[in-house]
Amino acid sequence: MYVKVNKQSLADALDKIFVTVSKSLKSIPGASAVRIVFKDNRLIFYGRSRNDSIMVSVPLEETNGTDCYFGVSCVDLKRLIDTFDSEEKSVLLIYDNTIIDGPIPLCVKYGLSMFNLWTLSPEHMSPIEDFASTKYSPLDLNEFLLGLRAVSYCMNPDKDAMNGTCVDDNYLAATDGLRLSIYRNTQLKLGDPNQKILIPPESVVRMLTIFRGSKGEIESYTLDNSTLTILKDKVCYRTRLGAAKFPPYESILPKDKAVTCSTQKKEVLASLGRITAMSNMVAATAKISIFPHRSEMEIFTKTDKGTVEDYMEIECDGPDVVFQMNPKFMTDTIKRLQGDMVVFSLRFNNKGALSGFVEISEGPHSNFLMPIKEV
């Protein structure tokens, strides 16, 4: 029995499977195996990790096979496919499903080369999850991934209550305790305004990798209290949601009017780059001084090599203000913005001192950075 498939389609499927199982290679024996299912003239690859699972269908070019189910090392099969050159476009998977007791032999044939691989029988593998029996809702996958990419830079994998990206009916949100990033949620609807789900950090990274290159097609998703499933073309991806309760970030969102200052994105990034280049101290702080009457912003820091001062033009309508902040935090945030301008929103208490957060926002994306201390 054999199945003939396109080499590139097979390589793409294994790349997505490997992203899912790679961290389980040592922690879960057998989890690094890719399940190969041939059923109803369809070839399906299935992989799983501790929290996530993925199923990828590969189009058939030719077959004379009958139904079968076995497993093979994802690492071995991926390494093998990656060595194949592009001259031959098809790969043959040859198997013998007449064996009742024991694993099904698998031979991979590419051109004149043949490779025999050890396989696992079904009793040594966990069963495949059911992706087809759930009801799916429309999903603008490109917009959802844009939101995940925007906020995920400040996920904190070390603190349970901040571990991952929070989703509710209003926002996607992530925080590390010093920064909060939120993106207006127009995609995943939970139905309950008080409900929140938490997508683990590794699952966020996997989704951004597996669905990389989406071009705005309307895909599908299904969501319950424990899992999120995304269906795209021939890929089904499911992640188990985190159990920790995300901090009540809504309580710190400012409601009062802010003083805004704007400057060119490339100028402020260049200035911050010069500041950080002069210091090898990761946690070094910079003093940010805003002078509206001079239409000028000054960034100053002391480093192990001396002092650094940098200036740029700004537009601002508020009072003079001076505060300190980690320049790396500012750089990480500003790089996530899509436009050419950076707008800083500042709020002051009754005594005229900076209070709360420095907000850097653009469209549906808002970031709140806590000054280290006022000067």
Protein backbone atom coordinates (compact mmCIF):
# COMPACT_ATOMS: atom_id res chain seq x y z
CA MET A 1 0.00 0.00 0.00
CA TYR A 2 1.27 3.49 -0.71
CA VAL A 3 0.32 7.15 -0.57
CA LYS A 4 1.90 9.70 -2.92
CA VAL A 5 2.06 13.32 -1.72
CA ASN A 6 3.69 16.59 -2.72
CA LYS A 7 7.03 17.06 -0.96
CA GLN A 8 6.39 20.72 -0.11
CA SER A 9 2.93 19.99 1.31
CA LEU A 10 4.42 17.22 3.44
CA ALA A 11 7.26 19.49 4.64
CA ASP A 12 4.83 22.30 5.54
CA ALA A 13 2.63 19.89 7.52
CA LEU A 14 5.61 18.52 9.46
CA ASP A 15 6.87 22.04 10.23
CA LYS A 16 3.53 22.87 11.88
CA ILE A 17 3.49 19.56 13.75
CA PHE A 18 7.06 20.09 14.97
CA VAL A 19 6.21 23.55 16.38
CA THR A 20 3.56 21.86 18.52
CA VAL A 21 5.50 18.80 19.74
CA SER A 22 9.06 20.17 19.96
CA LYS A 23 8.90 21.06 23.68
CA SER A 24 7.48 17.63 24.54
CA LEU A 25 10.37 15.64 23.09
CA LYS A 26 11.83 14.87 26.53
CA SER A 27 8.99 15.60 28.93
CA ILE A 28 6.34 13.29 27.43
CA PRO A 29 7.61 9.96 26.03
CA GLY A 30 5.91 9.20 22.72
CA ALA A 31 4.39 12.68 22.40
CA SER A 32 7.00 13.62 19.82
CA ALA A 33 5.53 11.08 17.43
CA VAL A 34 3.41 12.32 14.58
CA ARG A 35 0.26 10.24 14.08
CA ILE A 36 -0.32 9.35 10.45
CA VAL A 37 -3.90 8.53 9.52
CA PHE A 38 -5.03 7.38 6.12
CA LYS A 39 -8.82 7.27 6.06
CA ASP A 40 -11.50 7.86 3.44
CA ASN A 41 -8.82 8.72 0.87
CA ARG A 42 -7.41 11.47 3.10
CA LEU A 43 -3.93 11.68 4.59
CA ILE A 44 -3.90 13.36 8.01
CA PHE A 45 -1.00 14.19 10.32
CA TYR A 46 -1.69 14.74 14.00
CA GLY A 47 0.62 15.97 16.76
CA ARG A 48 0.17 16.93 20.39
CA SER A 49 1.99 18.42 23.36
CA ARG A 50 1.06 18.79 27.00
CA ASN A 51 -1.43 21.61 26.30
CA ASP A 52 -1.88 21.79 22.54
CA SER A 53 -2.79 19.57 19.63
CA ILE A 54 -2.80 20.04 15.87
CA MET A 55 -4.17 18.17 12.87
CA VAL A 56 -3.03 18.88 9.30
CA SER A 57 -4.54 17.34 6.16
CA VAL A 58 -2.21 16.78 3.21
CA PRO A 59 -3.65 16.52 -0.35
CA LEU A 60 -3.08 13.20 -2.10
CA GLU A 61 -1.54 12.93 -5.55
CA GLU A 62 -2.09 9.20 -5.86
CA THR A 63 -2.93 6.20 -3.67
CA ASN A 64 -3.85 2.56 -3.66
CA GLY A 65 -4.05 2.39 0.12
CA THR A 66 -6.70 1.44 2.60
CA ASP A 67 -7.40 2.81 6.09
CA CYS A 68 -4.53 2.69 8.58
CA TYR A 69 -3.25 4.49 11.68
CA PHE A 70 0.29 4.48 13.07
CA GLY A 71 2.91 6.81 14.54
CA VAL A 72 6.45 7.73 13.66
CA SER A 73 9.00 10.08 15.22
CA CYS A 74 8.21 13.61 14.10
CA VAL A 75 11.88 14.56 14.49
CA ASP A 76 13.12 11.70 12.30
CA LEU A 77 10.53 12.26 9.60
CA LYS A 78 11.08 16.03 9.54
CA ARG A 79 14.86 15.65 9.35
CA LEU A 80 14.44 13.20 6.52
CA ILE A 81 12.10 15.40 4.48
CA ASP A 82 14.33 18.44 5.04
CA THR A 83 17.22 16.61 3.34
CA PHE A 84 15.27 16.02 0.13
CA ASP A 85 16.23 18.37 -2.72
CA SER A 86 13.69 20.05 -4.98
CA GLU A 87 14.30 18.04 -8.15
CA GLU A 88 11.80 15.36 -7.18
CA LYS A 89 8.46 16.89 -6.16
CA SER A 90 6.68 13.82 -4.81
CA VAL A 91 7.20 11.50 -1.85
CA LEU A 92 5.85 7.95 -1.49
CA LEU A 93 4.80 6.66 1.93
CA ILE A 94 4.71 2.88 1.62
CA TYR A 95 3.12 0.82 4.39
CA ASP A 96 1.75 -2.64 5.10
CA ASN A 97 -1.49 -2.55 7.09
CA THR A 98 -2.03 -6.30 6.96
CA ILE A 99 -0.06 -6.73 10.17
CA ILE A 100 -2.45 -7.38 13.05
CA ASP A 101 -0.06 -7.52 16.01
CA GLY A 102 2.69 -4.93 16.19
CA PRO A 103 3.61 -1.69 14.45
CA ILE A 104 2.94 -1.15 10.74
CA PRO A 105 6.19 -0.99 8.71
CA LEU A 106 6.74 2.37 6.97
CA CYS A 107 9.05 3.08 4.05
CA VAL A 108 9.62 6.60 2.71
CA LYS A 109 10.61 6.60 -0.99
CA TYR A 110 12.02 9.69 -2.66
CA GLY A 111 13.43 9.29 -6.16
CA LEU A 112 15.82 6.33 -5.98
CA SER A 113 16.22 6.55 -2.21
CA MET A 114 14.27 4.43 0.27
CA PHE A 115 14.19 4.86 4.06
CA ASN A 116 12.68 2.40 6.54
CA LEU A 117 11.43 3.99 9.77
CA TRP A 118 10.41 2.47 13.08
CA THR A 119 6.77 3.13 13.89
CA LEU A 120 4.44 3.00 16.89
CA SER A 121 1.23 1.00 16.96
CA PRO A 122 -2.07 2.63 18.09
CA GLU A 123 -1.93 1.12 21.59
CA HIS A 124 1.25 3.11 22.30
CA MET A 125 -0.33 6.45 21.35
CA SER A 126 -3.07 8.59 22.79
CA PRO A 127 -6.27 8.75 20.72
CA ILE A 128 -6.80 11.55 18.23
CA GLU A 129 -9.05 14.37 19.35
CA ASP A 130 -12.32 15.07 17.59
CA PHE A 131 -12.06 18.38 15.70
CA ALA A 132 -15.10 17.91 13.47
CA SER A 133 -18.03 17.58 15.86
CA THR A 134 -17.90 21.14 17.23
CA LYS A 135 -19.69 24.20 15.87
CA TYR A 136 -17.37 26.85 14.48
CA SER A 137 -17.82 30.65 14.29
CA PRO A 138 -16.26 33.08 11.75
CA LEU A 139 -12.82 34.46 12.61
CA ASP A 140 -10.75 37.16 10.93
CA LEU A 141 -7.54 35.30 11.67
CA ASN A 142 -5.28 38.06 10.41
CA GLU A 143 -6.82 40.60 12.81
CA PHE A 144 -6.67 38.14 15.71
CA LEU A 145 -2.98 37.39 15.07
CA LEU A 146 -2.30 41.12 14.77
CA GLY A 147 -3.71 41.59 18.25
CA LEU A 148 -1.76 38.67 19.71
CA ARG A 149 1.46 39.95 18.18
CA ALA A 150 0.79 43.46 19.49
CA VAL A 151 0.34 42.51 23.15
CA SER A 152 2.41 39.35 23.57
CA TYR A 153 5.72 41.18 23.98
CA CYS A 154 4.96 41.84 27.65
CA MET A 155 3.61 38.43 28.67
CA ASN A 156 5.18 37.27 31.92
CA PRO A 157 5.79 33.49 31.95
CA ASP A 158 7.17 33.59 35.51
CA LYS A 159 4.07 34.77 37.37
CA ASP A 160 0.99 32.53 37.30
CA ALA A 161 -1.55 35.34 37.50
CA MET A 162 0.10 37.09 34.53
CA ASN A 163 1.03 33.98 32.61
CA GLY A 164 -0.13 34.46 29.05
CA THR A 165 -2.58 36.61 27.10
CA CYS A 166 -5.98 37.37 28.60
CA VAL A 167 -9.04 37.53 26.34
CA ASP A 168 -12.40 39.01 27.29
CA ASP A 169 -15.21 40.63 25.33
CA ASN A 170 -13.34 43.95 25.23
CA TYR A 171 -9.61 43.35 24.84
CA LEU A 172 -6.66 41.06 24.37
CA ALA A 173 -4.38 41.94 27.30
CA ALA A 174 -0.91 41.04 28.57
CA THR A 175 1.19 42.40 31.42
CA ASP A 176 4.44 41.80 33.25
CA GLY A 177 3.57 43.93 36.26
CA LEU A 178 5.33 47.06 34.97
CA ARG A 179 3.72 47.24 31.53
CA LEU A 180 0.20 46.59 30.32
CA SER A 181 -0.62 46.12 26.65
CA ILE A 182 -4.22 45.86 25.40
CA TYR A 183 -5.71 45.47 21.93
CA ARG A 184 -9.41 45.89 21.22
CA ASN A 185 -10.97 42.44 20.75
CA THR A 186 -13.25 42.30 17.72
CA GLN A 187 -12.91 38.57 17.09
CA LEU A 188 -13.31 36.10 19.97
CA LYS A 189 -16.70 36.62 21.58
CA LEU A 190 -17.15 34.98 24.97
CA GLY A 191 -20.80 35.97 25.41
CA ASP A 192 -20.37 36.83 29.08
CA PRO A 193 -18.97 40.35 29.75
CA ASN A 194 -17.44 39.12 33.02
CA GLN A 195 -15.75 36.05 31.56
CA LYS A 196 -12.02 35.90 30.83
CA ILE A 197 -9.86 33.23 29.24
CA LEU A 198 -6.08 32.94 29.45
CA ILE A 199 -4.04 31.67 26.49
CA PRO A 200 -0.67 30.25 27.73
CA PRO A 201 2.51 31.96 26.45
CA GLU A 202 3.76 28.91 24.54
CA SER A 203 0.39 28.59 22.79
CA VAL A 204 0.49 32.24 21.73
CA VAL A 205 3.94 31.71 20.23
CA ARG A 206 2.79 28.55 18.46
CA MET A 207 -0.26 30.24 16.93
CA LEU A 208 1.85 33.12 15.64
CA THR A 209 4.24 30.58 14.08
CA ILE A 210 1.76 28.02 12.72
CA PHE A 211 -0.57 30.58 11.13
CA ARG A 212 2.19 32.89 9.93
CA GLY A 213 1.46 34.48 6.57
CA SER A 214 -2.34 34.66 6.88
CA LYS A 215 -3.71 37.19 4.40
CA GLY A 216 -7.00 38.21 5.95
CA GLU A 217 -9.11 35.24 4.95
CA ILE A 218 -12.17 34.62 7.11
CA GLU A 219 -11.39 31.43 9.03
CA SER A 220 -13.24 29.69 11.87
CA TYR A 221 -12.91 29.10 15.59
CA THR A 222 -14.72 27.47 18.48
CA LEU A 223 -14.32 28.35 22.13
CA ASP A 224 -15.43 26.85 25.43
CA ASN A 225 -14.31 27.17 29.04
CA SER A 226 -11.28 24.91 28.59
CA THR A 227 -10.13 25.04 24.95
CA LEU A 228 -9.75 27.32 21.94
CA THR A 229 -9.78 25.69 18.50
CA ILE A 230 -8.82 27.48 15.27
CA LEU A 231 -9.62 26.01 11.86
CA LYS A 232 -7.73 27.31 8.83
CA ASP A 233 -7.82 25.59 5.45
CA LYS A 234 -6.50 22.11 6.24
CA VAL A 235 -5.10 22.95 9.70
CA CYS A 236 -6.93 22.45 13.01
CA TYR A 237 -5.17 23.78 16.10
CA ARG A 238 -6.44 23.40 19.66
CA THR A 239 -4.99 24.81 22.88
CA ARG A 240 -6.01 24.25 26.48
CA LEU A 241 -6.67 27.52 28.24
CA GLY A 242 -4.89 28.57 31.43
CA ALA A 243 -6.58 28.27 34.81
CA ALA A 244 -5.01 31.31 36.51
CA LYS A 245 -7.07 34.46 37.04
CA PHE A 246 -5.71 37.46 35.20
CA PRO A 247 -5.33 40.68 37.26
CA PRO A 248 -8.29 43.11 37.02
CA TYR A 249 -6.56 45.38 34.53
CA GLU A 250 -9.74 47.39 33.79
CA SER A 251 -9.46 49.07 37.19
CA ILE A 252 -6.25 50.86 36.21
CA LEU A 253 -7.35 52.06 32.77
CA PRO A 254 -7.43 55.87 32.93
CA LYS A 255 -10.72 57.68 32.44
CA ASP A 256 -9.59 61.29 32.79
CA LYS A 257 -8.38 63.55 30.01
CA ALA A 258 -4.69 63.31 29.17
CA VAL A 259 -2.03 65.72 27.93
CA THR A 260 -0.64 64.35 24.66
CA CYS A 261 2.80 64.72 23.11
CA SER A 262 3.66 63.45 19.63
CA THR A 263 6.94 62.84 17.82
CA GLN A 264 8.31 60.87 14.88
CA LYS A 265 8.59 57.13 15.52
CA LYS A 266 11.93 56.74 13.73
CA GLU A 267 13.44 59.64 15.68
CA VAL A 268 12.47 58.38 19.12
CA LEU A 269 13.62 54.82 18.28
CA ALA A 270 16.95 56.16 17.02
CA SER A 271 17.38 58.22 20.18
CA LEU A 272 16.54 55.29 22.46
CA GLY A 273 18.91 53.12 20.43
CA ARG A 274 21.76 55.55 21.02
CA ILE A 275 20.96 55.69 24.72
CA THR A 276 20.98 51.90 25.17
CA ALA A 277 24.02 51.40 22.92
CA MET A 278 26.12 53.38 25.38
CA SER A 279 25.26 51.14 28.33
CA ASN A 280 25.71 47.44 29.01
CA MET A 281 23.32 47.61 31.96
CA VAL A 282 20.05 45.94 30.99
CA ALA A 283 18.07 47.64 33.78
CA ALA A 284 19.57 51.11 33.26
CA THR A 285 17.02 53.93 33.48
CA ALA A 286 16.74 57.06 31.38
CA LYS A 287 15.42 60.46 32.41
CA ILE A 288 12.76 61.71 30.02
CA SER A 289 12.19 65.48 30.04
CA ILE A 290 9.40 67.06 27.99
CA PHE A 291 9.50 70.82 27.41
CA PRO A 292 6.38 71.95 25.48
CA HIS A 293 7.46 75.62 25.31
CA ARG A 294 10.65 74.53 23.50
CA SER A 295 8.87 71.79 21.47
CA GLU A 296 11.61 69.48 22.67
CA MET A 297 12.09 66.14 24.42
CA GLU A 298 15.35 65.28 26.15
CA ILE A 299 16.50 61.75 26.98
CA PHE A 300 19.39 61.56 29.44
CA THR A 301 21.15 58.68 31.16
CA LYS A 302 24.33 57.91 33.05
CA THR A 303 26.22 54.84 31.87
CA ASP A 304 29.45 53.07 32.75
CA LYS A 305 31.02 54.99 29.84
CA GLY A 306 29.81 58.47 30.80
CA THR A 307 26.61 60.46 30.30
CA VAL A 308 24.42 60.49 27.21
CA GLU A 309 21.99 63.21 26.15
CA ASP A 310 19.74 63.12 23.14
CA TYR A 311 17.12 65.58 21.90
CA MET A 312 14.19 65.45 19.49
CA GLU A 313 11.35 67.68 18.36
CA ILE A 314 7.88 67.13 19.81
CA GLU A 315 4.44 68.67 19.69
CA CYS A 316 2.90 69.07 23.14
CA ASP A 317 0.30 71.30 24.79
CA GLY A 318 0.89 70.56 28.48
CA PRO A 319 3.26 71.54 31.30
CA ASP A 320 6.93 70.60 31.60
CA VAL A 321 7.35 67.09 32.94
CA VAL A 322 10.31 64.93 33.97
CA PHE A 323 10.19 61.20 34.75
CA GLN A 324 12.41 58.12 34.59
CA MET A 325 11.78 54.95 32.64
CA ASN A 326 13.57 51.87 31.37
CA PRO A 327 14.47 52.76 27.73
CA LYS A 328 14.22 49.11 26.71
CA PHE A 329 10.58 49.06 27.84
CA MET A 330 9.88 52.08 25.66
CA THR A 331 11.71 50.59 22.67
CA ASP A 332 9.83 47.27 22.91
CA THR A 333 6.51 49.13 23.00
CA ILE A 334 7.17 51.63 20.22
CA LYS A 335 8.40 48.91 17.84
CA ARG A 336 4.91 47.35 18.00
CA LEU A 337 3.29 50.47 16.56
CA GLN A 338 2.41 50.43 12.86
CA GLY A 339 2.33 54.15 12.08
CA ASP A 340 4.99 56.84 11.67
CA MET A 341 4.09 58.88 14.78
CA VAL A 342 4.33 58.11 18.50
CA VAL A 343 1.79 59.72 20.82
CA PHE A 344 2.53 59.86 24.55
CA SER A 345 -0.46 60.46 26.85
CA LEU A 346 0.44 61.94 30.26
CA ARG A 347 -1.78 62.50 33.31
CA PHE A 348 -1.13 64.78 36.28
CA ASN A 349 -2.40 64.90 39.85
CA ASN A 350 -3.72 67.97 41.68
CA LYS A 351 -0.20 69.10 42.51
CA GLY A 352 0.87 68.99 38.88
CA ALA A 353 3.03 65.86 39.21
CA LEU A 354 2.91 62.96 36.77
CA SER A 355 0.63 60.21 38.08
CA GLY A 356 -0.31 56.69 37.05
CA PHE A 357 1.02 55.53 33.70
CA VAL A 358 2.59 56.85 30.55
CA GLU A 359 0.27 55.72 27.76
CA ILE A 360 1.50 54.98 24.24
CA SER A 361 -1.43 54.22 21.93
CA GLU A 362 -2.26 53.74 18.28
CA GLY A 363 -5.69 52.80 16.93
CA PRO A 364 -6.99 49.71 18.78
CA HIS A 365 -3.64 49.15 20.53
CA SER A 366 -2.82 50.84 23.88
CA ASN A 367 0.22 50.41 26.12
CA PHE A 368 0.61 51.64 29.68
CA LEU A 369 4.11 51.94 31.12
CA MET A 370 4.79 52.68 34.77
CA PRO A 371 7.45 55.34 35.38
CA ILE A 372 10.17 54.05 37.69
CA LYS A 373 10.06 57.22 39.75
CA GLU A 374 9.34 60.87 39.34
CA VAL A 375 12.12 63.40 39.52
